[in-house]
Amino acid sequence: MGGGHHANPEAYPKDEQDFEAVKAAKIPIANRDRCVHLLLPLNKCRRVTGFNPNTCGHERHTYEECLYNTYLQRIEALKQKKRLMSG
């Protein structure tokens, strides 16, 4: 089912991050991954709106899609590694 999903060009993980901005924003180390560039504007939006769950939907969706894309990349890398080990 589903369908109708389009690729969001903003939601791709980045290898290069602005660690000074991340440190200044006091992002926990556990969240400093390849999608932290999307967490910064999401947290800013959350603070401005008082953590209202009905706001910041686009930012949250983009961040979660980036996390999912990162997951898919890790799964693909694992499959390639298994293929190389077996063949």
PDB file of N, CA and C in Angstrom:
ATOM      1  N   MET A   1       0.848  -1.163   0.000  1.00  0.00           N
ATOM      2  CA  MET A   1       0.000   0.000   0.000  1.00  0.00           C
ATOM      3  C   MET A   1       0.898   1.231   0.000  1.00  0.00           C
ATOM      4  N   GLY A   2       0.670   2.186   0.843  1.00  0.00           N
ATOM      5  CA  GLY A   2       1.527   3.363   0.917  1.00  0.00           C
ATOM      6  C   GLY A   2       1.586   4.083  -0.401  1.00  0.00           C
ATOM      7  N   GLY A   3       2.761   4.155  -0.965  1.00  0.00           N
ATOM      8  CA  GLY A   3       2.939   4.797  -2.254  1.00  0.00           C
ATOM      9  C   GLY A   3       2.841   6.307  -2.140  1.00  0.00           C
ATOM     10  N   GLY A   4       3.064   6.971  -3.224  1.00  0.00           N
ATOM     11  CA  GLY A   4       2.964   8.409  -3.262  1.00  0.00           C
ATOM     12  C   GLY A   4       4.075   9.124  -2.515  1.00  0.00           C
ATOM     13  N   HIS A   5       5.047   8.384  -2.031  1.00  0.00           N
ATOM     14  CA  HIS A   5       6.128   8.999  -1.277  1.00  0.00           C
ATOM     15  C   HIS A   5       7.186   9.505  -2.244  1.00  0.00           C
ATOM     16  N   HIS A   6       7.616  10.722  -2.036  1.00  0.00           N
ATOM     17  CA  HIS A   6       8.680  11.262  -2.875  1.00  0.00           C
ATOM     18  C   HIS A   6       9.940  11.434  -2.041  1.00  0.00           C
ATOM     19  N   ALA A   7      11.061  11.401  -2.689  1.00  0.00           N
ATOM     20  CA  ALA A   7      12.334  11.565  -1.992  1.00  0.00           C
ATOM     21  C   ALA A   7      12.505  13.030  -1.605  1.00  0.00           C
ATOM     22  N   ASN A   8      12.827  13.257  -0.363  1.00  0.00           N
ATOM     23  CA  ASN A   8      13.050  14.606   0.139  1.00  0.00           C
ATOM     24  C   ASN A   8      14.547  14.887   0.061  1.00  0.00           C
ATOM     25  N   PRO A   9      14.980  15.814  -0.792  1.00  0.00           N
ATOM     26  CA  PRO A   9      16.419  16.055  -0.935  1.00  0.00           C
ATOM     27  C   PRO A   9      17.067  16.609   0.336  1.00  0.00           C
ATOM     28  N   GLU A  10      16.280  17.187   1.237  1.00  0.00           N
ATOM     29  CA  GLU A  10      16.827  17.706   2.488  1.00  0.00           C
ATOM     30  C   GLU A  10      17.166  16.592   3.472  1.00  0.00           C
ATOM     31  N   ALA A  11      16.576  15.414   3.287  1.00  0.00           N
ATOM     32  CA  ALA A  11      16.634  14.368   4.300  1.00  0.00           C
ATOM     33  C   ALA A  11      17.796  13.392   4.118  1.00  0.00           C
ATOM     34  N   TYR A  12      18.815  13.789   3.406  1.00  0.00           N
ATOM     35  CA  TYR A  12      19.938  12.884   3.231  1.00  0.00           C
ATOM     36  C   TYR A  12      21.011  13.156   4.281  1.00  0.00           C
ATOM     37  N   PRO A  13      21.579  12.108   4.835  1.00  0.00           N
ATOM     38  CA  PRO A  13      22.613  12.266   5.863  1.00  0.00           C
ATOM     39  C   PRO A  13      23.856  12.958   5.312  1.00  0.00           C
ATOM     40  N   LYS A  14      24.510  13.708   6.181  1.00  0.00           N
ATOM     41  CA  LYS A  14      25.746  14.394   5.816  1.00  0.00           C
ATOM     42  C   LYS A  14      26.901  13.833   6.620  1.00  0.00           C
ATOM     43  N   ASP A  15      28.039  13.688   5.956  1.00  0.00           N
ATOM     44  CA  ASP A  15      29.235  13.255   6.668  1.00  0.00           C
ATOM     45  C   ASP A  15      29.911  14.435   7.365  1.00  0.00           C
ATOM     46  N   GLU A  16      29.824  15.599   6.753  1.00  0.00           N
ATOM     47  CA  GLU A  16      30.449  16.803   7.303  1.00  0.00           C
ATOM     48  C   GLU A  16      29.417  17.555   8.138  1.00  0.00           C
ATOM     49  N   GLN A  17      29.741  17.830   9.407  1.00  0.00           N
ATOM     50  CA  GLN A  17      28.834  18.551  10.298  1.00  0.00           C
ATOM     51  C   GLN A  17      29.560  19.748  10.902  1.00  0.00           C
ATOM     52  N   ASP A  18      28.811  20.748  11.304  1.00  0.00           N
ATOM     53  CA  ASP A  18      29.353  21.911  11.996  1.00  0.00           C
ATOM     54  C   ASP A  18      29.348  21.607  13.492  1.00  0.00           C
ATOM     55  N   PHE A  19      30.446  21.034  13.969  1.00  0.00           N
ATOM     56  CA  PHE A  19      30.480  20.567  15.351  1.00  0.00           C
ATOM     57  C   PHE A  19      30.459  21.712  16.363  1.00  0.00           C
ATOM     58  N   GLU A  20      30.908  22.885  15.962  1.00  0.00           N
ATOM     59  CA  GLU A  20      30.835  24.033  16.877  1.00  0.00           C
ATOM     60  C   GLU A  20      29.380  24.429  17.121  1.00  0.00           C
ATOM     61  N   ALA A  21      28.560  24.428  16.069  1.00  0.00           N
ATOM     62  CA  ALA A  21      27.142  24.750  16.221  1.00  0.00           C
ATOM     63  C   ALA A  21      26.435  23.675  17.038  1.00  0.00           C
ATOM     64  N   VAL A  22      26.820  22.430  16.830  1.00  0.00           N
ATOM     65  CA  VAL A  22      26.218  21.323  17.581  1.00  0.00           C
ATOM     66  C   VAL A  22      26.571  21.446  19.058  1.00  0.00           C
ATOM     67  N   LYS A  23      27.815  21.763  19.331  1.00  0.00           N
ATOM     68  CA  LYS A  23      28.257  21.925  20.714  1.00  0.00           C
ATOM     69  C   LYS A  23      27.562  23.114  21.365  1.00  0.00           C
ATOM     70  N   ALA A  24      27.442  24.218  20.622  1.00  0.00           N
ATOM     71  CA  ALA A  24      26.786  25.411  21.150  1.00  0.00           C
ATOM     72  C   ALA A  24      25.301  25.159  21.430  1.00  0.00           C
ATOM     73  N   ALA A  25      24.680  24.293  20.634  1.00  0.00           N
ATOM     74  CA  ALA A  25      23.265  23.972  20.826  1.00  0.00           C
ATOM     75  C   ALA A  25      23.050  22.935  21.924  1.00  0.00           C
ATOM     76  N   LYS A  26      24.149  22.437  22.486  1.00  0.00           N
ATOM     77  CA  LYS A  26      24.103  21.461  23.581  1.00  0.00           C
ATOM     78  C   LYS A  26      23.333  20.195  23.201  1.00  0.00           C
ATOM     79  N   ILE A  27      23.600  19.712  21.992  1.00  0.00           N
ATOM     80  CA  ILE A  27      23.000  18.461  21.530  1.00  0.00           C
ATOM     81  C   ILE A  27      23.711  17.313  22.249  1.00  0.00           C
ATOM     82  N   PRO A  28      22.958  16.381  22.856  1.00  0.00           N
ATOM     83  CA  PRO A  28      23.596  15.248  23.531  1.00  0.00           C
ATOM     84  C   PRO A  28      24.449  14.429  22.556  1.00  0.00           C
ATOM     85  N   ILE A  29      25.505  13.847  23.077  1.00  0.00           N
ATOM     86  CA  ILE A  29      26.430  13.075  22.241  1.00  0.00           C
ATOM     87  C   ILE A  29      25.705  11.939  21.520  1.00  0.00           C
ATOM     88  N   ALA A  30      24.717  11.348  22.160  1.00  0.00           N
ATOM     89  CA  ALA A  30      23.973  10.248  21.546  1.00  0.00           C
ATOM     90  C   ALA A  30      23.239  10.688  20.281  1.00  0.00           C
ATOM     91  N   ASN A  31      22.935  11.974  20.152  1.00  0.00           N
ATOM     92  CA  ASN A  31      22.211  12.482  18.986  1.00  0.00           C
ATOM     93  C   ASN A  31      23.123  13.111  17.938  1.00  0.00           C
ATOM     94  N   ARG A  32      24.420  13.080  18.158  1.00  0.00           N
ATOM     95  CA  ARG A  32      25.359  13.695  17.214  1.00  0.00           C
ATOM     96  C   ARG A  32      25.719  12.695  16.122  1.00  0.00           C
ATOM     97  N   ASP A  33      24.777  12.487  15.238  1.00  0.00           N
ATOM     98  CA  ASP A  33      24.972  11.533  14.157  1.00  0.00           C
ATOM     99  C   ASP A  33      24.995  12.275  12.832  1.00  0.00           C
ATOM    100  N   ARG A  34      24.763  11.572  11.761  1.00  0.00           N
ATOM    101  CA  ARG A  34      24.832  12.163  10.423  1.00  0.00           C
ATOM    102  C   ARG A  34      23.596  12.986  10.074  1.00  0.00           C
ATOM    103  N   CYS A  35      22.632  13.064  10.998  1.00  0.00           N
ATOM    104  CA  CYS A  35      21.417  13.847  10.763  1.00  0.00           C
ATOM    105  C   CYS A  35      21.300  15.031  11.720  1.00  0.00           C
ATOM    106  N   VAL A  36      22.353  15.316  12.438  1.00  0.00           N
ATOM    107  CA  VAL A  36      22.282  16.386  13.431  1.00  0.00           C
ATOM    108  C   VAL A  36      22.046  17.748  12.775  1.00  0.00           C
ATOM    109  N   HIS A  37      22.414  17.899  11.509  1.00  0.00           N
ATOM    110  CA  HIS A  37      22.168  19.164  10.818  1.00  0.00           C
ATOM    111  C   HIS A  37      20.680  19.461  10.696  1.00  0.00           C
ATOM    112  N   LEU A  38      19.844  18.440  10.803  1.00  0.00           N
ATOM    113  CA  LEU A  38      18.392  18.624  10.764  1.00  0.00           C
ATOM    114  C   LEU A  38      17.795  18.738  12.162  1.00  0.00           C
ATOM    115  N   LEU A  39      18.514  18.254  13.155  1.00  0.00           N
ATOM    116  CA  LEU A  39      18.031  18.337  14.531  1.00  0.00           C
ATOM    117  C   LEU A  39      18.132  19.759  15.070  1.00  0.00           C
ATOM    118  N   LEU A  40      19.114  20.509  14.621  1.00  0.00           N
ATOM    119  CA  LEU A  40      19.274  21.888  15.098  1.00  0.00           C
ATOM    120  C   LEU A  40      18.048  22.749  14.791  1.00  0.00           C
ATOM    121  N   PRO A  41      17.574  22.822  13.529  1.00  0.00           N
ATOM    122  CA  PRO A  41      16.369  23.627  13.278  1.00  0.00           C
ATOM    123  C   PRO A  41      15.113  23.036  13.920  1.00  0.00           C
ATOM    124  N   LEU A  42      15.051  21.707  14.061  1.00  0.00           N
ATOM    125  CA  LEU A  42      13.899  21.088  14.708  1.00  0.00           C
ATOM    126  C   LEU A  42      13.827  21.502  16.168  1.00  0.00           C
ATOM    127  N   ASN A  43      14.942  21.445  16.873  1.00  0.00           N
ATOM    128  CA  ASN A  43      14.944  21.845  18.277  1.00  0.00           C
ATOM    129  C   ASN A  43      14.643  23.329  18.434  1.00  0.00           C
ATOM    130  N   LYS A  44      15.141  24.144  17.507  1.00  0.00           N
ATOM    131  CA  LYS A  44      14.841  25.578  17.555  1.00  0.00           C
ATOM    132  C   LYS A  44      13.343  25.809  17.391  1.00  0.00           C
ATOM    133  N   CYS A  45      12.736  25.125  16.437  1.00  0.00           N
ATOM    134  CA  CYS A  45      11.292  25.235  16.223  1.00  0.00           C
ATOM    135  C   CYS A  45      10.525  24.765  17.455  1.00  0.00           C
ATOM    136  N   ARG A  46      10.974  23.685  18.053  1.00  0.00           N
ATOM    137  CA  ARG A  46      10.311  23.170  19.249  1.00  0.00           C
ATOM    138  C   ARG A  46      10.355  24.175  20.396  1.00  0.00           C
ATOM    139  N   ARG A  47      11.511  24.810  20.587  1.00  0.00           N
ATOM    140  CA  ARG A  47      11.628  25.786  21.675  1.00  0.00           C
ATOM    141  C   ARG A  47      10.745  27.003  21.415  1.00  0.00           C
ATOM    142  N   VAL A  48      10.707  27.474  20.172  1.00  0.00           N
ATOM    143  CA  VAL A  48       9.913  28.656  19.833  1.00  0.00           C
ATOM    144  C   VAL A  48       8.421  28.391  20.044  1.00  0.00           C
ATOM    145  N   THR A  49       7.971  27.187  19.724  1.00  0.00           N
ATOM    146  CA  THR A  49       6.543  26.877  19.819  1.00  0.00           C
ATOM    147  C   THR A  49       6.163  26.230  21.145  1.00  0.00           C
ATOM    148  N   GLY A  50       7.091  26.164  22.066  1.00  0.00           N
ATOM    149  CA  GLY A  50       6.770  25.583  23.377  1.00  0.00           C
ATOM    150  C   GLY A  50       6.529  24.086  23.315  1.00  0.00           C
ATOM    151  N   PHE A  51       7.217  23.402  22.420  1.00  0.00           N
ATOM    152  CA  PHE A  51       7.117  21.946  22.262  1.00  0.00           C
ATOM    153  C   PHE A  51       5.690  21.491  21.960  1.00  0.00           C
ATOM    154  N   ASN A  52       4.948  22.334  21.243  1.00  0.00           N
ATOM    155  CA  ASN A  52       3.600  21.999  20.813  1.00  0.00           C
ATOM    156  C   ASN A  52       3.684  20.854  19.801  1.00  0.00           C
ATOM    157  N   PRO A  53       3.025  19.727  20.063  1.00  0.00           N
ATOM    158  CA  PRO A  53       3.146  18.582  19.149  1.00  0.00           C
ATOM    159  C   PRO A  53       2.493  18.802  17.790  1.00  0.00           C
ATOM    160  N   ASN A  54       1.679  19.849  17.645  1.00  0.00           N
ATOM    161  CA  ASN A  54       1.003  20.108  16.373  1.00  0.00           C
ATOM    162  C   ASN A  54       1.809  21.007  15.454  1.00  0.00           C
ATOM    163  N   THR A  55       3.003  21.383  15.874  1.00  0.00           N
ATOM    164  CA  THR A  55       3.836  22.257  15.054  1.00  0.00           C
ATOM    165  C   THR A  55       5.132  21.535  14.687  1.00  0.00           C
ATOM    166  N   CYS A  56       5.920  22.154  13.867  1.00  0.00           N
ATOM    167  CA  CYS A  56       7.236  21.642  13.455  1.00  0.00           C
ATOM    168  C   CYS A  56       7.140  20.298  12.739  1.00  0.00           C
ATOM    169  N   GLY A  57       6.015  20.033  12.115  1.00  0.00           N
ATOM    170  CA  GLY A  57       5.805  18.749  11.447  1.00  0.00           C
ATOM    171  C   GLY A  57       6.781  18.503  10.312  1.00  0.00           C
ATOM    172  N   HIS A  58       7.037  19.533   9.501  1.00  0.00           N
ATOM    173  CA  HIS A  58       7.953  19.351   8.366  1.00  0.00           C
ATOM    174  C   HIS A  58       9.363  19.062   8.861  1.00  0.00           C
ATOM    175  N   GLU A  59       9.806  19.814   9.854  1.00  0.00           N
ATOM    176  CA  GLU A  59      11.156  19.619  10.388  1.00  0.00           C
ATOM    177  C   GLU A  59      11.304  18.228  10.998  1.00  0.00           C
ATOM    178  N   ARG A  60      10.281  17.811  11.754  1.00  0.00           N
ATOM    179  CA  ARG A  60      10.337  16.488  12.386  1.00  0.00           C
ATOM    180  C   ARG A  60      10.335  15.377  11.333  1.00  0.00           C
ATOM    181  N   HIS A  61       9.493  15.521  10.324  1.00  0.00           N
ATOM    182  CA  HIS A  61       9.422  14.500   9.277  1.00  0.00           C
ATOM    183  C   HIS A  61      10.753  14.399   8.526  1.00  0.00           C
ATOM    184  N   THR A  62      11.351  15.548   8.214  1.00  0.00           N
ATOM    185  CA  THR A  62      12.625  15.548   7.502  1.00  0.00           C
ATOM    186  C   THR A  62      13.708  14.885   8.339  1.00  0.00           C
ATOM    187  N   TYR A  63      13.751  15.193   9.639  1.00  0.00           N
ATOM    188  CA  TYR A  63      14.744  14.590  10.535  1.00  0.00           C
ATOM    189  C   TYR A  63      14.535  13.076  10.633  1.00  0.00           C
ATOM    190  N   GLU A  64      13.296  12.645  10.810  1.00  0.00           N
ATOM    191  CA  GLU A  64      13.024  11.206  10.918  1.00  0.00           C
ATOM    192  C   GLU A  64      13.309  10.482   9.611  1.00  0.00           C
ATOM    193  N   GLU A  65      13.049  11.134   8.482  1.00  0.00           N
ATOM    194  CA  GLU A  65      13.357  10.523   7.193  1.00  0.00           C
ATOM    195  C   GLU A  65      14.870  10.377   7.015  1.00  0.00           C
ATOM    196  N   CYS A  66      15.619  11.347   7.494  1.00  0.00           N
ATOM    197  CA  CYS A  66      17.083  11.257   7.445  1.00  0.00           C
ATOM    198  C   CYS A  66      17.567  10.073   8.285  1.00  0.00           C
ATOM    199  N   LEU A  67      16.993   9.913   9.474  1.00  0.00           N
ATOM    200  CA  LEU A  67      17.362   8.766  10.317  1.00  0.00           C
ATOM    201  C   LEU A  67      17.057   7.455   9.605  1.00  0.00           C
ATOM    202  N   TYR A  68      15.917   7.391   8.928  1.00  0.00           N
ATOM    203  CA  TYR A  68      15.546   6.185   8.191  1.00  0.00           C
ATOM    204  C   TYR A  68      16.506   5.938   7.031  1.00  0.00           C
ATOM    205  N   ASN A  69      16.885   7.003   6.320  1.00  0.00           N
ATOM    206  CA  ASN A  69      17.845   6.854   5.214  1.00  0.00           C
ATOM    207  C   ASN A  69      19.190   6.362   5.727  1.00  0.00           C
ATOM    208  N   THR A  70      19.601   6.831   6.901  1.00  0.00           N
ATOM    209  CA  THR A  70      20.841   6.359   7.513  1.00  0.00           C
ATOM    210  C   THR A  70      20.748   4.871   7.825  1.00  0.00           C
ATOM    211  N   TYR A  71      19.596   4.458   8.349  1.00  0.00           N
ATOM    212  CA  TYR A  71      19.360   3.043   8.640  1.00  0.00           C
ATOM    213  C   TYR A  71      19.466   2.207   7.363  1.00  0.00           C
ATOM    214  N   LEU A  72      18.834   2.677   6.290  1.00  0.00           N
ATOM    215  CA  LEU A  72      18.890   1.936   5.029  1.00  0.00           C
ATOM    216  C   LEU A  72      20.318   1.826   4.502  1.00  0.00           C
ATOM    217  N   GLN A  73      21.112   2.876   4.661  1.00  0.00           N
ATOM    218  CA  GLN A  73      22.500   2.829   4.226  1.00  0.00           C
ATOM    219  C   GLN A  73      23.301   1.815   5.040  1.00  0.00           C
ATOM    220  N   ARG A  74      23.049   1.738   6.339  1.00  0.00           N
ATOM    221  CA  ARG A  74      23.758   0.762   7.176  1.00  0.00           C
ATOM    222  C   ARG A  74      23.367  -0.662   6.787  1.00  0.00           C
ATOM    223  N   ILE A  75      22.093  -0.887   6.510  1.00  0.00           N
ATOM    224  CA  ILE A  75      21.627  -2.222   6.100  1.00  0.00           C
ATOM    225  C   ILE A  75      22.268  -2.617   4.775  1.00  0.00           C
ATOM    226  N   GLU A  76      22.326  -1.690   3.826  1.00  0.00           N
ATOM    227  CA  GLU A  76      22.933  -1.981   2.526  1.00  0.00           C
ATOM    228  C   GLU A  76      24.428  -2.282   2.681  1.00  0.00           C
ATOM    229  N   ALA A  77      25.107  -1.538   3.543  1.00  0.00           N
ATOM    230  CA  ALA A  77      26.538  -1.796   3.777  1.00  0.00           C
ATOM    231  C   ALA A  77      26.738  -3.174   4.400  1.00  0.00           C
ATOM    232  N   LEU A  78      25.851  -3.567   5.293  1.00  0.00           N
ATOM    233  CA  LEU A  78      25.944  -4.890   5.908  1.00  0.00           C
ATOM    234  C   LEU A  78      25.718  -5.994   4.874  1.00  0.00           C
ATOM    235  N   LYS A  79      24.745  -5.795   3.988  1.00  0.00           N
ATOM    236  CA  LYS A  79      24.494  -6.783   2.936  1.00  0.00           C
ATOM    237  C   LYS A  79      25.709  -6.939   2.028  1.00  0.00           C
ATOM    238  N   GLN A  80      26.329  -5.825   1.664  1.00  0.00           N
ATOM    239  CA  GLN A  80      27.516  -5.884   0.817  1.00  0.00           C
ATOM    240  C   GLN A  80      28.655  -6.593   1.530  1.00  0.00           C
ATOM    241  N   LYS A  81      28.816  -6.339   2.797  1.00  0.00           N
ATOM    242  CA  LYS A  81      29.868  -6.980   3.565  1.00  0.00           C
ATOM    243  C   LYS A  81      29.642  -8.494   3.630  1.00  0.00           C
ATOM    244  N   LYS A  82      28.404  -8.913   3.853  1.00  0.00           N
ATOM    245  CA  LYS A  82      28.084 -10.336   3.903  1.00  0.00           C
ATOM    246  C   LYS A  82      28.316 -10.990   2.541  1.00  0.00           C
ATOM    247  N   ARG A  83      27.983 -10.250   1.476  1.00  0.00           N
ATOM    248  CA  ARG A  83      28.182 -10.779   0.124  1.00  0.00           C
ATOM    249  C   ARG A  83      29.660 -10.994  -0.158  1.00  0.00           C
ATOM    250  N   LEU A  84      30.483 -10.058   0.266  1.00  0.00           N
ATOM    251  CA  LEU A  84      31.925 -10.181   0.052  1.00  0.00           C
ATOM    252  C   LEU A  84      32.526 -11.314   0.882  1.00  0.00           C
ATOM    253  N   MET A  85      32.027 -11.501   2.094  1.00  0.00           N
ATOM    254  CA  MET A  85      32.535 -12.540   2.983  1.00  0.00           C
ATOM    255  C   MET A  85      32.164 -13.937   2.471  1.00  0.00           C
ATOM    256  N   SER A  86      30.988 -14.070   1.860  1.00  0.00           N
ATOM    257  CA  SER A  86      30.532 -15.389   1.427  1.00  0.00           C
ATOM    258  C   SER A  86      31.054 -15.756   0.034  1.00  0.00           C
ATOM    259  N   GLY A  87      31.409 -14.765  -0.742  1.00  0.00           N
ATOM    260  CA  GLY A  87      31.741 -15.067  -2.124  1.00  0.00           C
ATOM    261  C   GLY A  87      33.165 -14.962  -2.424  1.00  0.00           C
TER     262      GLY A  87
END
